[in-house]
Amino acid sequence: MINVTIPLIPGDDGVPLIPADQVTALLRTIAVDWMQSADAGEPGVDRQTVDSLAGVLDELADSIDVECIAFASAPQGWGLGGE
């Protein structure tokens, strides 16, 4: 079982935000935890399902990283759509 602490940052509108690097780290940590459970042979853990789900979490984390890089690299004032 994993134990993760994620900081919340209040946005300008009062909505709590989570830093993207913390989200991607959490997704990858969950994927690794699932893989370790499958490696340990825990009952009720299907290796093929775990591999598929862990792959989806890794792809989602990669996608978030790419979007953040694109956002940070965009000229000031441009949105993600290049507007």
N, C-alpha and C. Protein backbone atom coordinates (compact mmCIF):
# COMPACT_ATOMS: atom_id res chain seq x y z
N MET A 1 0.85 -1.18 0.00
CA MET A 1 0.00 0.00 0.00
C MET A 1 0.89 1.24 0.00
N ILE A 2 0.53 2.19 -0.85
CA ILE A 2 1.31 3.41 -0.94
C ILE A 2 0.71 4.49 -0.05
N ASN A 3 1.54 5.42 0.34
CA ASN A 3 1.11 6.58 1.12
C ASN A 3 1.69 7.80 0.43
N VAL A 4 0.82 8.66 -0.09
CA VAL A 4 1.26 9.82 -0.86
C VAL A 4 0.62 11.08 -0.29
N THR A 5 1.42 12.11 -0.15
CA THR A 5 0.91 13.42 0.26
C THR A 5 1.01 14.36 -0.93
N ILE A 6 -0.09 15.00 -1.26
CA ILE A 6 -0.11 15.91 -2.41
C ILE A 6 -0.53 17.29 -1.91
N PRO A 7 0.31 18.30 -2.21
CA PRO A 7 -0.03 19.66 -1.78
C PRO A 7 -1.17 20.25 -2.62
N LEU A 8 -2.04 20.97 -1.98
CA LEU A 8 -3.10 21.69 -2.68
C LEU A 8 -2.74 23.17 -2.68
N ILE A 9 -2.91 23.80 -3.82
CA ILE A 9 -2.60 25.22 -3.97
C ILE A 9 -3.90 25.94 -4.29
N PRO A 10 -4.27 26.95 -3.52
CA PRO A 10 -5.51 27.65 -3.82
C PRO A 10 -5.36 28.50 -5.10
N GLY A 11 -6.31 28.33 -6.00
CA GLY A 11 -6.31 29.12 -7.22
C GLY A 11 -6.87 30.51 -6.96
N ASP A 12 -6.79 31.37 -7.95
CA ASP A 12 -7.30 32.74 -7.81
C ASP A 12 -8.80 32.76 -7.49
N ASP A 13 -9.51 31.73 -7.97
CA ASP A 13 -10.95 31.67 -7.73
C ASP A 13 -11.31 30.85 -6.50
N GLY A 14 -10.29 30.45 -5.72
CA GLY A 14 -10.52 29.69 -4.50
C GLY A 14 -10.58 28.18 -4.69
N VAL A 15 -10.56 27.73 -5.94
CA VAL A 15 -10.60 26.30 -6.22
C VAL A 15 -9.21 25.71 -5.95
N PRO A 16 -9.14 24.61 -5.21
CA PRO A 16 -7.83 24.01 -4.94
C PRO A 16 -7.24 23.36 -6.20
N LEU A 17 -5.96 23.58 -6.40
CA LEU A 17 -5.25 23.03 -7.54
C LEU A 17 -4.16 22.07 -7.06
N ILE A 18 -3.83 21.10 -7.88
CA ILE A 18 -2.75 20.16 -7.58
C ILE A 18 -1.68 20.36 -8.64
N PRO A 19 -0.42 20.51 -8.24
CA PRO A 19 0.65 20.67 -9.23
C PRO A 19 0.71 19.47 -10.18
N ALA A 20 0.85 19.74 -11.47
CA ALA A 20 0.83 18.69 -12.48
C ALA A 20 1.90 17.63 -12.23
N ASP A 21 3.08 18.05 -11.78
CA ASP A 21 4.13 17.06 -11.56
C ASP A 21 3.76 16.10 -10.43
N GLN A 22 2.96 16.58 -9.47
CA GLN A 22 2.48 15.72 -8.40
C GLN A 22 1.43 14.73 -8.92
N VAL A 23 0.60 15.18 -9.84
CA VAL A 23 -0.42 14.31 -10.43
C VAL A 23 0.25 13.20 -11.23
N THR A 24 1.22 13.57 -12.08
CA THR A 24 1.87 12.54 -12.90
C THR A 24 2.68 11.59 -12.03
N ALA A 25 3.30 12.09 -10.98
CA ALA A 25 4.04 11.21 -10.06
C ALA A 25 3.08 10.25 -9.37
N LEU A 26 1.90 10.74 -8.98
CA LEU A 26 0.90 9.88 -8.35
C LEU A 26 0.45 8.78 -9.31
N LEU A 27 0.15 9.15 -10.55
CA LEU A 27 -0.28 8.16 -11.53
C LEU A 27 0.77 7.08 -11.73
N ARG A 28 2.02 7.50 -11.85
CA ARG A 28 3.11 6.53 -12.05
C ARG A 28 3.34 5.67 -10.80
N THR A 29 3.18 6.26 -9.62
CA THR A 29 3.33 5.50 -8.38
C THR A 29 2.25 4.44 -8.25
N ILE A 30 1.03 4.78 -8.61
CA ILE A 30 -0.06 3.80 -8.58
C ILE A 30 0.24 2.67 -9.54
N ALA A 31 0.70 2.99 -10.75
CA ALA A 31 1.02 1.96 -11.73
C ALA A 31 2.10 1.02 -11.20
N VAL A 32 3.13 1.57 -10.61
CA VAL A 32 4.22 0.74 -10.06
C VAL A 32 3.70 -0.11 -8.91
N ASP A 33 2.86 0.45 -8.05
CA ASP A 33 2.31 -0.29 -6.93
C ASP A 33 1.49 -1.49 -7.44
N TRP A 34 0.69 -1.27 -8.48
CA TRP A 34 -0.09 -2.37 -9.06
C TRP A 34 0.84 -3.45 -9.61
N MET A 35 1.89 -3.02 -10.31
CA MET A 35 2.83 -3.99 -10.90
C MET A 35 3.52 -4.79 -9.79
N GLN A 36 3.89 -4.14 -8.71
CA GLN A 36 4.53 -4.84 -7.60
C GLN A 36 3.57 -5.84 -6.96
N SER A 37 2.30 -5.49 -6.88
CA SER A 37 1.30 -6.43 -6.35
C SER A 37 1.18 -7.65 -7.25
N ALA A 38 1.20 -7.41 -8.55
CA ALA A 38 1.13 -8.54 -9.49
C ALA A 38 2.39 -9.39 -9.40
N ASP A 39 3.56 -8.75 -9.28
CA ASP A 39 4.82 -9.49 -9.15
C ASP A 39 4.85 -10.34 -7.88
N ALA A 40 4.22 -9.83 -6.83
CA ALA A 40 4.21 -10.54 -5.55
C ALA A 40 3.21 -11.71 -5.56
N GLY A 41 2.43 -11.80 -6.62
CA GLY A 41 1.47 -12.89 -6.73
C GLY A 41 0.29 -12.78 -5.79
N GLU A 42 -0.09 -11.55 -5.48
CA GLU A 42 -1.23 -11.36 -4.59
C GLU A 42 -2.47 -11.99 -5.21
N PRO A 43 -3.28 -12.67 -4.37
CA PRO A 43 -4.48 -13.33 -4.89
C PRO A 43 -5.46 -12.33 -5.49
N GLY A 44 -6.09 -12.74 -6.57
CA GLY A 44 -7.10 -11.91 -7.21
C GLY A 44 -6.52 -10.85 -8.14
N VAL A 45 -5.20 -10.85 -8.32
CA VAL A 45 -4.56 -9.86 -9.20
C VAL A 45 -4.24 -10.53 -10.54
N ASP A 46 -4.89 -10.06 -11.58
CA ASP A 46 -4.67 -10.59 -12.92
C ASP A 46 -3.57 -9.79 -13.60
N ARG A 47 -2.48 -10.46 -13.94
CA ARG A 47 -1.30 -9.77 -14.49
C ARG A 47 -1.62 -9.01 -15.77
N GLN A 48 -2.39 -9.60 -16.66
CA GLN A 48 -2.70 -8.94 -17.94
C GLN A 48 -3.51 -7.66 -17.71
N THR A 49 -4.47 -7.72 -16.80
CA THR A 49 -5.27 -6.54 -16.49
C THR A 49 -4.40 -5.46 -15.85
N VAL A 50 -3.55 -5.86 -14.91
CA VAL A 50 -2.65 -4.91 -14.25
C VAL A 50 -1.74 -4.24 -15.27
N ASP A 51 -1.17 -5.03 -16.17
CA ASP A 51 -0.29 -4.46 -17.19
C ASP A 51 -1.03 -3.44 -18.05
N SER A 52 -2.27 -3.78 -18.42
CA SER A 52 -3.06 -2.86 -19.25
C SER A 52 -3.39 -1.58 -18.51
N LEU A 53 -3.85 -1.71 -17.26
CA LEU A 53 -4.21 -0.53 -16.49
C LEU A 53 -2.99 0.33 -16.17
N ALA A 54 -1.87 -0.31 -15.82
CA ALA A 54 -0.64 0.45 -15.54
C ALA A 54 -0.19 1.19 -16.80
N GLY A 55 -0.33 0.55 -17.95
CA GLY A 55 0.02 1.21 -19.21
C GLY A 55 -0.83 2.44 -19.47
N VAL A 56 -2.12 2.34 -19.17
CA VAL A 56 -3.03 3.48 -19.36
C VAL A 56 -2.62 4.63 -18.43
N LEU A 57 -2.29 4.32 -17.18
CA LEU A 57 -1.87 5.37 -16.25
C LEU A 57 -0.57 6.03 -16.70
N ASP A 58 0.37 5.23 -17.18
CA ASP A 58 1.63 5.80 -17.69
C ASP A 58 1.39 6.69 -18.90
N GLU A 59 0.52 6.25 -19.81
CA GLU A 59 0.20 7.06 -20.99
C GLU A 59 -0.49 8.37 -20.59
N LEU A 60 -1.38 8.30 -19.62
CA LEU A 60 -2.05 9.51 -19.14
C LEU A 60 -1.04 10.47 -18.52
N ALA A 61 -0.12 9.94 -17.71
CA ALA A 61 0.93 10.77 -17.11
C ALA A 61 1.79 11.41 -18.19
N ASP A 62 2.16 10.63 -19.21
CA ASP A 62 2.96 11.17 -20.32
C ASP A 62 2.20 12.27 -21.04
N SER A 63 0.91 12.07 -21.26
CA SER A 63 0.09 13.06 -21.95
C SER A 63 0.01 14.36 -21.16
N ILE A 64 -0.15 14.25 -19.85
CA ILE A 64 -0.18 15.45 -19.00
C ILE A 64 1.16 16.17 -19.07
N ASP A 65 2.26 15.41 -19.02
CA ASP A 65 3.59 16.03 -19.13
C ASP A 65 3.75 16.78 -20.44
N VAL A 66 3.30 16.17 -21.53
CA VAL A 66 3.42 16.80 -22.85
C VAL A 66 2.60 18.08 -22.91
N GLU A 67 1.37 18.04 -22.39
CA GLU A 67 0.52 19.23 -22.38
C GLU A 67 1.13 20.35 -21.55
N CYS A 68 1.73 19.98 -20.42
CA CYS A 68 2.36 21.00 -19.56
C CYS A 68 3.59 21.61 -20.25
N ILE A 69 4.36 20.78 -20.92
CA ILE A 69 5.52 21.29 -21.65
C ILE A 69 5.07 22.23 -22.76
N ALA A 70 4.01 21.84 -23.47
CA ALA A 70 3.49 22.70 -24.55
C ALA A 70 2.97 24.02 -23.99
N PHE A 71 2.29 23.95 -22.87
CA PHE A 71 1.74 25.16 -22.24
C PHE A 71 2.88 26.08 -21.78
N ALA A 72 3.90 25.49 -21.16
CA ALA A 72 5.03 26.29 -20.65
C ALA A 72 5.88 26.84 -21.77
N SER A 73 5.86 26.18 -22.92
CA SER A 73 6.68 26.60 -24.06
C SER A 73 5.97 27.59 -24.98
N ALA A 74 4.66 27.71 -24.83
CA ALA A 74 3.88 28.60 -25.70
C ALA A 74 4.24 30.05 -25.38
N PRO A 75 4.26 30.89 -26.43
CA PRO A 75 4.50 32.32 -26.18
C PRO A 75 3.47 32.86 -25.20
N GLN A 76 3.90 33.79 -24.36
CA GLN A 76 3.01 34.33 -23.32
C GLN A 76 1.73 34.87 -23.94
N GLY A 77 0.62 34.52 -23.33
CA GLY A 77 -0.67 34.98 -23.81
C GLY A 77 -1.34 33.98 -24.73
N TRP A 78 -0.62 32.94 -25.15
CA TRP A 78 -1.21 31.93 -26.03
C TRP A 78 -1.79 30.83 -25.17
N GLY A 79 -2.91 30.31 -25.57
CA GLY A 79 -3.51 29.15 -24.90
C GLY A 79 -2.95 27.88 -25.50
N LEU A 80 -3.44 26.75 -25.06
CA LEU A 80 -2.99 25.47 -25.58
C LEU A 80 -3.31 25.31 -27.05
N GLY A 81 -4.37 25.96 -27.52
CA GLY A 81 -4.74 25.87 -28.93
C GLY A 81 -3.96 26.84 -29.80
N GLY A 82 -2.98 27.53 -29.26
CA GLY A 82 -2.17 28.47 -30.03
C GLY A 82 -2.88 29.80 -30.27
N GLU A 83 -3.88 30.07 -29.46
CA GLU A 83 -4.66 31.30 -29.64
C GLU A 83 -4.09 32.45 -28.89
